[in-house]
Amino acid sequence: MTYGMILPVATVFAVAFSIERGIFMTRKSRKHQYTEGLKSSAPVAVGYIRLSVANKEECSSIENQKFIIECWGEQHQIPISHYYIDNGFSGKRFDRPAFQEMIEDILAGKINCVIVKDLSRLGRDYIITGYYIEVIFPINRVRFVSVNDQLDTIDGITNQERPYSSRIRVPITNAFNEQVSIEIKKKMEATLDMKAQQGIFIGPRAPFGYQKAEDNHDQLIPDPKAAIIVRKIFELAANGIGITAIVRYLNEKEIPTPIQYARANGLSGNYDNGNGNWNSRSVKYILTNRTYTGMLVQGKEKRVVSATHEALVDTNTFDAIQKSFQEKAFNIAKHGQSTENILKGKVICGCCGGKMQRKHGTNHADWYFFTCITKNRLGVDKCTGMYVREEDVLRAIYYQLKLYVKEHFISDSQYKQELMRLNNKIDQSDSQYQEAFRNAVRHYERFVDGEISKDEFRVVQDAANEKKVIRNDIITSKTAYEKQYQVFRKLLKASYKEITLSEIMDCINEIIIYPNKNITVKWAIEF
């Protein structure tokens, strides 16, 4: 199960050590060490607040959680120095931005007390939530308080002054919270499906060209500025302008992309900004999205409701554009244009360094060529652009491959010697990594016992991680070496026609097309 960065790097060996030795922060003396450290140091207390996806319309929830945390702080005379707030994040995820920022600050020693309204705010996966409460916080001498659950780790994993607040209550409470999360998800899905059937917009953001009405966030209305751009895109397509030409037009006019426009209008969050330019994918998405005809197609069941909002393109124009796409797809299939682009991502423009795009010859000719994407999308002022036929690229690959194999290929005995050397390096690096790992485990125990600082432990741990990276790199190199050797060996003993292109492509890093039409192949492994 993946939750983003669930386990901070500084605790990887902690888990291994706890499992191997069968201990999970249970030694009495260590518990007193942590609690004494907390009691003797000035509290740097923070509040963690999470507003779930299910409750994000409840505007008072954040203020309510703050109020509960503030009351606890005043009661215990502990000021709350900072709040970490994740707005609209599920408790099943642990890659929440504010949560991860808080964990980083904990590891940096900036915090020694975390307060939440209840355990479900910290997380709804009982195993991972328990891990943070029972391992991460104690290791870093952080007091954890869940106000509504009456849980306070100042005297251990629970407050021993309250006998009913036993250790077993934490996993039980967390397990209950996880089940609640599942039930909430089911109810939310049912609610969203019902809204979709009624033609109510259920998306988190309005599509480019629209905005949500101020008086009703379930209603789409045209965005005064973005709608002009969308209408222009449909106008160009209706007049027979191809997608590539539309992309170039938008970029040359410096028209903001949908994500740029949203950012300029206040969008925040972890969204991919791309390279800042329009591309074929974004334009085609608009041209094939029926939302612009005033229709909504939503939900897992694809509920379709017409005339739910103002259209930006009439249905006849939209259908005509879709028909042109279908005809083009038919011609591609009929004339073999859909054959696999085996060189995809490997052909590079020697002028700008950008990737080159494969296209079919004009008038359905039975040949292909590569052209610079930068020139196509941004115009000649950004790159003069390279152009080369696919057959010329393949011919250059075979020719340079023959020369390379003839001049550089090694004998079987040399190959076996090199393989033996790599195997010895792997064995050596593996031994070094295993020793570094055991050393890290030993230092972890010393860290838990208070004999060394956290920074001293991290130095040892980082050394072990470095050994692991070195070992994995050697293993990767050996695998690539074996694969490429077998292809080259086959080339020496067989006709080039018996070698598949896919076998050759595995040996190629990139193919550079220079302005003078010279073609240079860079191999994955240099013998």
Protein backbone atom coordinates (compact mmCIF):
# COMPACT_ATOMS: atom_id res chain seq x y z
CA MET A 1 0.00 0.00 0.00
CA THR A 2 1.51 3.36 -1.04
CA TYR A 3 0.89 6.63 0.74
CA GLY A 4 3.60 8.86 -0.64
CA MET A 5 6.35 9.49 1.88
CA ILE A 6 4.89 7.47 4.76
CA LEU A 7 8.06 6.54 6.60
CA PRO A 8 10.62 9.33 6.95
CA VAL A 9 14.15 8.35 5.96
CA ALA A 10 15.43 8.85 9.48
CA THR A 11 13.31 5.93 10.73
CA VAL A 12 13.94 3.23 8.14
CA PHE A 13 16.41 1.42 10.34
CA ALA A 14 14.23 2.01 13.38
CA VAL A 15 11.54 -0.24 11.92
CA ALA A 16 14.02 -2.96 10.93
CA PHE A 17 15.62 -2.86 14.35
CA SER A 18 12.31 -2.97 16.23
CA ILE A 19 11.07 -5.95 14.24
CA GLU A 20 14.36 -7.84 14.41
CA ARG A 21 14.72 -7.44 18.18
CA GLY A 22 11.00 -7.81 18.91
CA ILE A 23 10.74 -4.50 20.73
CA PHE A 24 8.49 -1.56 19.94
CA MET A 25 9.43 1.14 22.41
CA THR A 26 8.59 -0.98 25.43
CA ARG A 27 11.60 -0.65 27.70
CA LYS A 28 10.58 1.22 30.82
CA SER A 29 13.85 3.10 31.15
CA ARG A 30 13.59 4.43 27.61
CA LYS A 31 10.05 5.58 28.15
CA HIS A 32 11.17 7.62 31.15
CA GLN A 33 13.99 9.05 29.04
CA TYR A 34 11.53 10.46 26.53
CA THR A 35 9.05 11.78 29.07
CA GLU A 36 11.80 13.34 31.19
CA GLY A 37 13.14 15.03 28.06
CA LEU A 38 9.71 16.45 27.34
CA LYS A 39 9.10 17.64 30.86
CA SER A 40 12.45 19.36 31.20
CA SER A 41 12.39 21.22 27.88
CA ALA A 42 10.35 24.30 27.00
CA PRO A 43 7.38 23.14 24.94
CA VAL A 44 7.27 24.10 21.27
CA ALA A 45 3.70 23.06 20.63
CA VAL A 46 1.96 23.03 17.27
CA GLY A 47 -1.54 22.15 16.19
CA TYR A 48 -2.25 19.85 13.30
CA ILE A 49 -5.56 20.33 11.48
CA ARG A 50 -6.94 18.26 8.63
CA LEU A 51 -10.16 19.08 6.84
CA SER A 52 -11.24 15.98 4.97
CA VAL A 53 -12.53 15.83 1.41
CA ALA A 54 -15.90 14.73 2.74
CA ASN A 55 -16.26 17.78 5.02
CA LYS A 56 -14.55 20.51 3.02
CA GLU A 57 -17.81 22.43 2.58
CA GLU A 58 -18.05 22.86 6.36
CA CYS A 59 -16.21 26.17 6.55
CA SER A 60 -16.29 26.21 10.36
CA SER A 61 -14.41 22.90 10.72
CA ILE A 62 -10.95 24.47 10.62
CA GLU A 63 -11.94 27.14 13.13
CA ASN A 64 -13.62 24.50 15.28
CA GLN A 65 -10.45 22.37 15.40
CA LYS A 66 -8.39 25.46 16.18
CA PHE A 67 -10.75 26.38 19.01
CA ILE A 68 -10.48 22.92 20.62
CA ILE A 69 -6.68 22.92 20.36
CA GLU A 70 -6.43 26.50 21.70
CA CYS A 71 -8.63 25.61 24.69
CA TRP A 72 -6.40 22.66 25.53
CA GLY A 73 -3.31 24.89 25.25
CA GLU A 74 -4.79 27.54 27.56
CA GLN A 75 -5.86 24.88 30.07
CA HIS A 76 -2.32 23.45 30.22
CA GLN A 77 -0.63 26.86 29.87
CA ILE A 78 1.08 25.81 26.62
CA PRO A 79 0.99 28.36 23.79
CA ILE A 80 0.38 27.04 20.26
CA SER A 81 3.22 28.43 18.16
CA HIS A 82 2.03 27.30 14.74
CA TYR A 83 -0.72 25.41 12.91
CA TYR A 84 -0.16 22.91 10.10
CA ILE A 85 -3.34 22.77 8.02
CA ASP A 86 -4.24 20.31 5.25
CA ASN A 87 -7.46 21.49 3.64
CA GLY A 88 -9.34 18.91 1.57
CA PHE A 89 -7.09 15.86 2.10
CA SER A 90 -8.19 12.32 2.86
CA GLY A 91 -7.02 10.75 6.10
CA LYS A 92 -5.98 7.63 4.16
CA ARG A 93 -3.17 9.64 2.54
CA PHE A 94 0.03 10.54 4.34
CA ASP A 95 1.63 12.60 1.57
CA ARG A 96 -0.37 15.63 2.72
CA PRO A 97 1.79 18.78 2.26
CA ALA A 98 1.30 20.30 5.73
CA PHE A 99 1.64 16.91 7.42
CA GLN A 100 4.93 16.21 5.66
CA GLU A 101 6.17 19.72 6.50
CA MET A 102 5.36 19.05 10.16
CA ILE A 103 7.24 15.71 10.09
CA GLU A 104 10.28 17.42 8.54
CA ASP A 105 10.20 20.06 11.29
CA ILE A 106 9.95 17.29 13.90
CA LEU A 107 12.98 15.53 12.45
CA ALA A 108 14.81 18.87 12.45
CA GLY A 109 14.13 19.18 16.19
CA LYS A 110 11.89 22.26 15.88
CA ILE A 111 8.84 20.70 17.60
CA ASN A 112 8.33 18.73 20.78
CA CYS A 113 4.52 18.71 21.09
CA VAL A 114 1.79 17.98 18.51
CA ILE A 115 -1.89 18.52 19.32
CA VAL A 116 -4.90 17.38 17.28
CA LYS A 117 -8.65 17.53 17.82
CA ASP A 118 -8.93 13.74 17.56
CA LEU A 119 -6.97 10.76 16.21
CA SER A 120 -8.83 10.73 12.90
CA ARG A 121 -7.35 14.18 12.09
CA LEU A 122 -3.86 12.64 12.18
CA GLY A 123 -4.91 9.80 9.86
CA ARG A 124 -7.46 7.08 9.19
CA ASP A 125 -5.08 4.19 8.47
CA TYR A 126 -4.69 2.63 11.90
CA ILE A 127 -1.36 0.90 11.16
CA ILE A 128 0.41 4.01 9.82
CA THR A 129 -1.21 6.36 12.33
CA GLY A 130 -0.12 4.04 15.13
CA TYR A 131 3.39 3.98 13.72
CA TYR A 132 3.67 7.76 13.98
CA ILE A 133 2.24 7.81 17.52
CA GLU A 134 4.21 4.84 18.87
CA VAL A 135 7.52 5.21 17.00
CA ILE A 136 8.13 8.49 15.17
CA PHE A 137 6.96 10.84 17.91
CA PRO A 138 8.68 9.00 20.81
CA ILE A 139 11.96 8.66 18.88
CA ASN A 140 12.00 12.40 18.32
CA ARG A 141 10.87 13.19 21.91
CA VAL A 142 7.59 14.66 20.73
CA ARG A 143 4.59 14.76 23.02
CA PHE A 144 1.37 13.88 21.19
CA VAL A 145 -2.07 14.99 22.37
CA SER A 146 -5.47 14.01 20.96
CA VAL A 147 -7.90 16.24 22.86
CA ASN A 148 -11.23 14.51 22.23
CA ASP A 149 -9.70 11.05 22.76
CA GLN A 150 -8.12 12.18 26.06
CA LEU A 151 -4.81 10.81 24.80
CA ASP A 152 -1.59 12.41 26.05
CA THR A 153 1.80 10.73 25.65
CA ILE A 154 3.51 12.89 28.28
CA ASP A 155 3.50 9.88 30.62
CA GLY A 156 4.08 7.19 28.05
CA ILE A 157 1.98 6.05 25.09
CA THR A 158 -1.16 7.02 27.05
CA ASN A 159 -1.89 9.08 30.11
CA GLN A 160 -1.44 6.62 32.98
CA GLU A 161 -3.39 8.90 35.30
CA ARG A 162 -6.51 7.65 33.52
CA PRO A 163 -6.61 3.82 33.87
CA TYR A 164 -9.38 3.47 31.27
CA SER A 165 -7.16 5.17 28.73
CA SER A 166 -5.18 1.99 28.07
CA ARG A 167 -2.61 1.33 25.37
CA ILE A 168 -4.97 -0.94 23.43
CA ARG A 169 -7.40 1.97 22.91
CA VAL A 170 -5.14 3.65 20.35
CA PRO A 171 -5.21 0.88 17.69
CA ILE A 172 -8.90 0.24 18.39
CA THR A 173 -9.75 3.91 17.91
CA ASN A 174 -7.65 4.09 14.77
CA ALA A 175 -9.21 0.92 13.36
CA PHE A 176 -12.64 2.42 14.00
CA ASN A 177 -11.58 5.64 12.23
CA GLU A 178 -10.41 3.63 9.22
CA GLN A 179 -13.79 1.88 8.98
CA VAL A 180 -15.52 5.27 9.27
CA SER A 181 -13.38 6.47 6.36
CA ILE A 182 -14.59 3.55 4.24
CA GLU A 183 -18.22 4.26 5.09
CA ILE A 184 -17.80 7.96 4.35
CA LYS A 185 -16.29 7.13 0.96
CA LYS A 186 -19.27 4.92 0.06
CA LYS A 187 -21.74 7.63 1.07
CA MET A 188 -19.83 10.27 -0.85
CA GLU A 189 -19.78 8.14 -4.01
CA ALA A 190 -23.54 7.57 -3.74
CA THR A 191 -24.15 11.30 -3.21
CA LEU A 192 -21.96 12.29 -6.15
CA ASP A 193 -23.67 9.74 -8.42
CA MET A 194 -27.08 11.14 -7.45
CA LYS A 195 -25.90 14.68 -8.23
CA ALA A 196 -24.47 13.53 -11.58
CA GLN A 197 -27.85 12.03 -12.53
CA GLN A 198 -29.48 15.38 -11.76
CA GLY A 199 -27.03 17.28 -13.95
CA ILE A 200 -25.29 19.00 -11.04
CA PHE A 201 -21.60 19.71 -11.64
CA ILE A 202 -19.53 17.62 -9.21
CA GLY A 203 -15.98 18.41 -10.34
CA PRO A 204 -13.51 20.12 -7.97
CA ARG A 205 -12.59 22.72 -10.62
CA ALA A 206 -14.54 24.19 -13.51
CA PRO A 207 -13.20 23.20 -16.95
CA PHE A 208 -11.08 25.81 -18.73
CA GLY A 209 -13.48 28.34 -20.24
CA TYR A 210 -15.95 28.10 -17.36
CA GLN A 211 -16.16 29.15 -13.73
CA LYS A 212 -18.45 28.23 -10.87
CA ALA A 213 -21.28 30.67 -10.21
CA GLU A 214 -20.75 32.70 -7.04
CA ASP A 215 -24.27 32.03 -5.75
CA ASN A 216 -24.22 28.31 -6.68
CA HIS A 217 -20.92 26.40 -6.90
CA ASP A 218 -22.70 23.47 -8.55
CA GLN A 219 -23.50 25.62 -11.60
CA LEU A 220 -21.08 26.31 -14.48
CA ILE A 221 -21.08 29.71 -16.19
CA PRO A 222 -18.72 30.98 -18.93
CA ASP A 223 -15.52 32.63 -17.75
CA PRO A 224 -15.44 36.01 -19.56
CA LYS A 225 -11.78 35.72 -20.64
CA ALA A 226 -11.11 31.98 -20.89
CA ALA A 227 -14.31 31.37 -22.86
CA ILE A 228 -12.94 33.57 -25.66
CA ILE A 229 -9.87 31.31 -25.95
CA VAL A 230 -11.98 28.13 -26.03
CA ARG A 231 -14.31 29.56 -28.70
CA LYS A 232 -11.26 30.54 -30.79
CA ILE A 233 -9.85 27.00 -30.58
CA PHE A 234 -13.15 25.54 -31.83
CA GLU A 235 -13.35 28.20 -34.57
CA LEU A 236 -9.88 27.30 -35.86
CA ALA A 237 -10.65 23.58 -35.81
CA ALA A 238 -14.00 24.10 -37.58
CA ASN A 239 -12.12 25.97 -40.35
CA GLY A 240 -9.91 22.95 -40.97
CA ILE A 241 -6.85 24.11 -39.02
CA GLY A 242 -4.96 21.10 -37.62
CA ILE A 243 -4.13 20.61 -33.97
CA THR A 244 -0.40 21.27 -34.45
CA ALA A 245 -1.15 24.60 -36.19
CA ILE A 246 -3.59 25.55 -33.41
CA VAL A 247 -0.90 24.81 -30.81
CA ARG A 248 1.58 27.01 -32.67
CA TYR A 249 -1.01 29.81 -32.93
CA LEU A 250 -1.72 29.75 -29.18
CA ASN A 251 1.98 29.74 -28.27
CA GLU A 252 2.93 32.47 -30.73
CA LYS A 253 0.12 34.67 -29.37
CA GLU A 254 1.43 33.87 -25.84
CA ILE A 255 -2.04 32.83 -24.73
CA PRO A 256 -1.90 31.37 -21.19
CA THR A 257 -2.38 27.62 -20.85
CA PRO A 258 -5.30 26.39 -18.70
CA ILE A 259 -3.02 25.77 -15.70
CA GLN A 260 -1.32 29.18 -16.10
CA TYR A 261 -4.70 30.88 -16.30
CA ALA A 262 -5.94 29.02 -13.21
CA ARG A 263 -2.77 29.92 -11.28
CA ALA A 264 -3.19 33.59 -12.23
CA ASN A 265 -6.72 33.44 -10.86
CA GLY A 266 -5.82 32.05 -7.47
CA LEU A 267 -5.46 28.29 -7.97
CA SER A 268 -3.14 26.76 -5.38
CA GLY A 269 -2.07 23.19 -4.78
CA ASN A 270 0.16 20.46 -6.16
CA TYR A 271 -0.61 20.67 -9.89
CA ASP A 272 1.72 19.91 -12.78
CA ASN A 273 2.58 23.18 -14.54
CA GLY A 274 4.21 21.45 -17.51
CA ASN A 275 6.70 23.50 -19.53
CA GLY A 276 4.43 26.54 -19.82
CA ASN A 277 3.45 25.91 -23.45
CA TRP A 278 0.35 24.62 -25.14
CA ASN A 279 0.65 21.10 -26.59
CA SER A 280 -1.41 18.80 -28.80
CA ARG A 281 -2.83 16.88 -25.84
CA SER A 282 -4.30 19.96 -24.14
CA VAL A 283 -5.83 21.28 -27.37
CA LYS A 284 -7.37 17.93 -28.32
CA TYR A 285 -8.77 17.54 -24.80
CA ILE A 286 -10.72 20.76 -25.30
CA LEU A 287 -11.85 19.84 -28.81
CA THR A 288 -13.20 16.46 -27.66
CA ASN A 289 -14.79 17.58 -24.36
CA ARG A 290 -18.61 17.63 -24.67
CA THR A 291 -18.87 19.88 -21.64
CA TYR A 292 -18.40 22.78 -24.09
CA THR A 293 -21.68 21.86 -25.81
CA GLY A 294 -23.62 22.47 -22.57
CA MET A 295 -23.69 18.76 -21.66
CA LEU A 296 -22.31 17.08 -18.53
CA VAL A 297 -20.87 13.54 -18.62
CA GLN A 298 -19.85 12.70 -15.04
CA GLY A 299 -19.19 10.00 -12.46
CA LYS A 300 -18.03 6.41 -12.62
CA GLU A 301 -21.28 5.48 -14.40
CA LYS A 302 -20.79 8.30 -16.96
CA ARG A 303 -24.14 9.95 -16.28
CA VAL A 304 -25.13 12.12 -19.28
CA VAL A 305 -27.37 15.19 -18.88
CA SER A 306 -27.88 17.77 -21.64
CA ALA A 307 -28.45 21.53 -21.45
CA THR A 308 -27.08 21.93 -17.93
CA HIS A 309 -25.16 25.16 -18.66
CA GLU A 310 -24.39 27.63 -21.44
CA ALA A 311 -22.56 26.09 -24.42
CA LEU A 312 -19.34 27.56 -25.85
CA VAL A 313 -19.74 25.68 -29.16
CA ASP A 314 -22.89 24.45 -30.91
CA THR A 315 -23.47 20.72 -31.14
CA ASN A 316 -23.30 20.58 -34.96
CA THR A 317 -19.85 22.22 -35.04
CA PHE A 318 -18.62 19.95 -32.24
CA ASP A 319 -19.89 16.81 -34.01
CA ALA A 320 -18.29 17.91 -37.30
CA ILE A 321 -14.91 18.27 -35.55
CA GLN A 322 -15.27 14.81 -34.00
CA LYS A 323 -16.09 13.39 -37.43
CA SER A 324 -12.89 14.88 -38.87
CA PHE A 325 -10.91 13.22 -36.06
CA GLN A 326 -12.57 9.88 -36.81
CA GLU A 327 -11.83 10.17 -40.54
CA LYS A 328 -8.19 10.95 -39.79
CA ALA A 329 -7.98 7.94 -37.47
CA PHE A 330 -9.51 5.75 -40.22
CA ASN A 331 -6.97 6.99 -42.76
CA ILE A 332 -4.16 6.35 -40.32
CA ALA A 333 -5.26 2.75 -39.84
CA LYS A 334 -5.93 2.22 -43.54
CA HIS A 335 -2.56 3.49 -44.70
CA GLY A 336 -0.49 1.99 -41.93
CA GLN A 337 0.20 5.24 -40.09
CA SER A 338 -0.60 3.56 -36.78
CA THR A 339 2.51 1.36 -36.93
CA GLU A 340 4.54 1.47 -33.74
CA ASN A 341 6.90 4.40 -33.29
CA ILE A 342 9.82 2.32 -32.07
CA LEU A 343 12.13 5.37 -31.97
CA LYS A 344 9.76 7.33 -29.71
CA GLY A 345 11.57 9.59 -27.27
CA LYS A 346 15.04 8.75 -28.63
CA VAL A 347 15.28 11.10 -31.64
CA ILE A 348 16.66 14.47 -30.50
CA CYS A 349 16.95 17.79 -32.35
CA GLY A 350 20.62 18.81 -32.54
CA CYS A 351 19.61 22.47 -32.76
CA CYS A 352 17.52 22.97 -29.58
CA GLY A 353 17.89 19.65 -27.76
CA GLY A 354 14.15 18.98 -27.87
CA LYS A 355 12.53 15.70 -28.85
CA MET A 356 11.48 15.13 -32.44
CA GLN A 357 7.97 14.13 -33.42
CA ARG A 358 7.16 11.31 -35.84
CA LYS A 359 4.74 12.15 -38.64
CA HIS A 360 3.31 10.46 -41.68
CA GLY A 361 4.25 11.58 -45.18
CA THR A 362 1.85 13.88 -47.02
CA ASN A 363 -0.96 12.56 -49.23
CA HIS A 364 -0.98 9.27 -47.29
CA ALA A 365 2.48 8.41 -48.56
CA ASP A 366 3.83 5.19 -47.11
CA TRP A 367 6.73 6.76 -45.25
CA TYR A 368 7.45 8.64 -42.04
CA PHE A 369 9.63 11.51 -40.96
CA PHE A 370 10.73 13.23 -37.77
CA THR A 371 10.38 16.95 -37.18
CA CYS A 372 11.31 19.17 -34.22
CA ILE A 373 8.50 19.55 -31.66
CA THR A 374 9.86 22.91 -30.48
CA LYS A 375 9.53 24.40 -33.96
CA ASN A 376 6.06 22.92 -34.46
CA ARG A 377 4.72 24.22 -31.17
CA LEU A 378 6.60 27.50 -30.67
CA GLY A 379 7.62 28.61 -34.17
CA VAL A 380 10.88 29.10 -36.06
CA ASP A 381 12.10 31.88 -33.75
CA LYS A 382 12.51 29.26 -31.00
CA CYS A 383 14.24 26.66 -33.21
CA THR A 384 15.09 26.46 -36.90
CA GLY A 385 13.96 22.85 -36.65
CA MET A 386 15.34 19.57 -37.84
CA TYR A 387 13.72 17.28 -40.41
CA VAL A 388 14.75 13.74 -41.27
CA ARG A 389 13.15 10.68 -42.82
CA GLU A 390 12.66 7.68 -40.56
CA GLU A 391 14.34 5.36 -43.07
CA ASP A 392 17.46 7.57 -42.97
CA VAL A 393 17.55 7.31 -39.18
CA LEU A 394 17.20 3.51 -39.29
CA ARG A 395 19.87 3.25 -41.99
CA ALA A 396 22.24 5.34 -39.82
CA ILE A 397 21.53 3.13 -36.80
CA TYR A 398 22.37 -0.09 -38.64
CA TYR A 399 25.47 1.43 -40.24
CA GLN A 400 26.86 2.87 -36.99
CA LEU A 401 25.98 -0.32 -35.15
CA LYS A 402 28.03 -2.41 -37.57
CA LEU A 403 31.02 -0.09 -37.16
CA TYR A 404 30.70 -0.03 -33.40
CA VAL A 405 30.45 -3.80 -33.06
CA LYS A 406 33.36 -4.33 -35.42
CA GLU A 407 35.65 -1.80 -33.72
CA HIS A 408 34.74 -2.15 -30.05
CA PHE A 409 33.15 -5.50 -29.42
CA ILE A 410 35.03 -7.80 -27.06
CA SER A 411 35.56 -11.55 -27.18
CA ASP A 412 33.66 -14.10 -25.11
CA SER A 413 36.61 -14.51 -22.77
CA GLN A 414 36.87 -10.76 -22.23
CA TYR A 415 33.12 -10.61 -21.63
CA LYS A 416 33.34 -13.36 -19.00
CA GLN A 417 36.21 -11.57 -17.30
CA GLU A 418 34.22 -8.34 -17.20
CA LEU A 419 31.17 -10.19 -15.91
CA MET A 420 33.29 -11.78 -13.19
CA ARG A 421 34.63 -8.35 -12.27
CA LEU A 422 31.11 -6.93 -12.01
CA ASN A 423 29.95 -9.90 -9.92
CA ASN A 424 32.89 -9.40 -7.58
CA LYS A 425 32.03 -5.71 -7.29
CA ILE A 426 28.42 -6.62 -6.50
CA ASP A 427 29.51 -9.12 -3.82
CA GLN A 428 31.91 -6.57 -2.37
CA SER A 429 29.37 -3.73 -2.39
CA ASP A 430 26.72 -6.04 -0.93
CA SER A 431 29.02 -6.98 1.94
CA GLN A 432 29.80 -3.31 2.54
CA TYR A 433 26.11 -2.46 2.54
CA GLN A 434 25.23 -5.30 4.94
CA GLU A 435 27.97 -4.20 7.33
CA ALA A 436 26.81 -0.57 7.06
CA PHE A 437 23.25 -1.70 7.77
CA ARG A 438 24.28 -3.66 10.86
CA ASN A 439 26.34 -0.67 11.99
CA ALA A 440 23.31 1.59 11.57
CA VAL A 441 21.18 -0.79 13.64
CA ARG A 442 23.82 -0.77 16.40
CA HIS A 443 23.95 3.03 16.35
CA TYR A 444 20.17 3.21 16.37
CA GLU A 445 20.12 1.30 19.65
CA ARG A 446 22.75 3.69 21.04
CA PHE A 447 20.59 6.61 19.87
CA VAL A 448 17.52 5.18 21.61
CA ASP A 449 19.55 4.69 24.79
CA GLY A 450 20.65 8.33 24.62
CA GLU A 451 24.34 7.54 24.06
CA ILE A 452 24.56 9.46 20.76
CA SER A 453 22.63 12.33 19.21
CA LYS A 454 20.14 12.11 16.38
CA ASP A 455 22.60 13.87 14.04
CA GLU A 456 25.30 11.29 14.86
CA PHE A 457 22.87 8.49 14.09
CA ARG A 458 21.89 10.11 10.78
CA VAL A 459 25.51 10.26 9.63
CA VAL A 460 25.77 6.47 10.07
CA GLN A 461 22.40 5.92 8.44
CA ASP A 462 23.27 8.11 5.43
CA ALA A 463 26.46 6.12 4.96
CA ALA A 464 24.43 2.91 4.84
CA ASN A 465 22.00 4.42 2.30
CA GLU A 466 24.93 5.50 0.13
CA LYS A 467 26.30 1.93 0.13
CA LYS A 468 22.89 0.66 -0.93
CA VAL A 469 22.73 3.09 -3.88
CA ILE A 470 26.20 2.05 -5.03
CA ARG A 471 25.25 -1.63 -4.89
CA ASN A 472 22.03 -1.07 -6.88
CA ASP A 473 23.86 0.97 -9.53
CA ILE A 474 26.36 -1.84 -10.11
CA ILE A 475 23.53 -4.39 -10.42
CA THR A 476 21.76 -2.15 -12.97
CA SER A 477 24.97 -1.75 -14.98
CA LYS A 478 25.56 -5.50 -15.01
CA THR A 479 22.02 -6.18 -16.30
CA ALA A 480 22.39 -3.63 -19.11
CA TYR A 481 25.87 -4.96 -19.95
CA GLU A 482 24.61 -8.54 -20.28
CA LYS A 483 21.64 -7.53 -22.43
CA GLN A 484 23.62 -5.38 -24.84
CA TYR A 485 26.41 -7.95 -25.12
CA GLN A 486 23.94 -10.64 -26.21
CA VAL A 487 22.54 -8.37 -28.93
CA PHE A 488 26.00 -7.46 -30.20
CA ARG A 489 27.11 -11.11 -30.10
CA LYS A 490 24.08 -12.04 -32.17
CA LEU A 491 24.98 -9.33 -34.69
CA LEU A 492 28.42 -10.85 -35.23
CA LYS A 493 27.05 -14.32 -35.95
CA ALA A 494 23.84 -13.58 -37.81
CA SER A 495 22.40 -11.39 -40.52
CA TYR A 496 21.23 -7.95 -39.47
CA LYS A 497 17.79 -8.86 -40.77
CA GLU A 498 17.50 -11.42 -37.97
CA ILE A 499 17.86 -8.69 -35.33
CA THR A 500 14.60 -7.01 -34.31
CA LEU A 501 14.47 -3.26 -34.00
CA SER A 502 13.27 -3.55 -30.40
CA GLU A 503 16.50 -5.43 -29.53
CA ILE A 504 18.57 -2.65 -31.05
CA MET A 505 16.52 0.11 -29.38
CA ASP A 506 17.36 -1.33 -25.95
CA CYS A 507 21.02 -0.63 -26.75
CA ILE A 508 20.44 3.01 -27.77
CA ASN A 509 20.40 5.98 -25.41
CA GLU A 510 19.53 8.67 -27.96
CA ILE A 511 19.84 9.60 -31.65
CA ILE A 512 20.86 13.19 -32.39
CA ILE A 513 19.94 14.84 -35.70
CA TYR A 514 22.25 17.76 -36.51
CA PRO A 515 21.50 20.71 -38.89
CA ASN A 516 23.77 19.26 -41.59
CA LYS A 517 21.65 16.05 -41.45
CA ASN A 518 24.46 14.17 -39.74
CA ILE A 519 23.08 11.51 -37.41
CA THR A 520 24.90 10.40 -34.26
CA VAL A 521 23.84 7.35 -32.25
CA LYS A 522 24.73 7.28 -28.55
CA TRP A 523 24.83 3.75 -27.15
CA ALA A 524 23.52 2.81 -23.71
CA ILE A 525 26.68 0.89 -22.77
CA GLU A 526 30.19 1.72 -23.97
CA PHE A 527 32.38 -1.39 -24.23
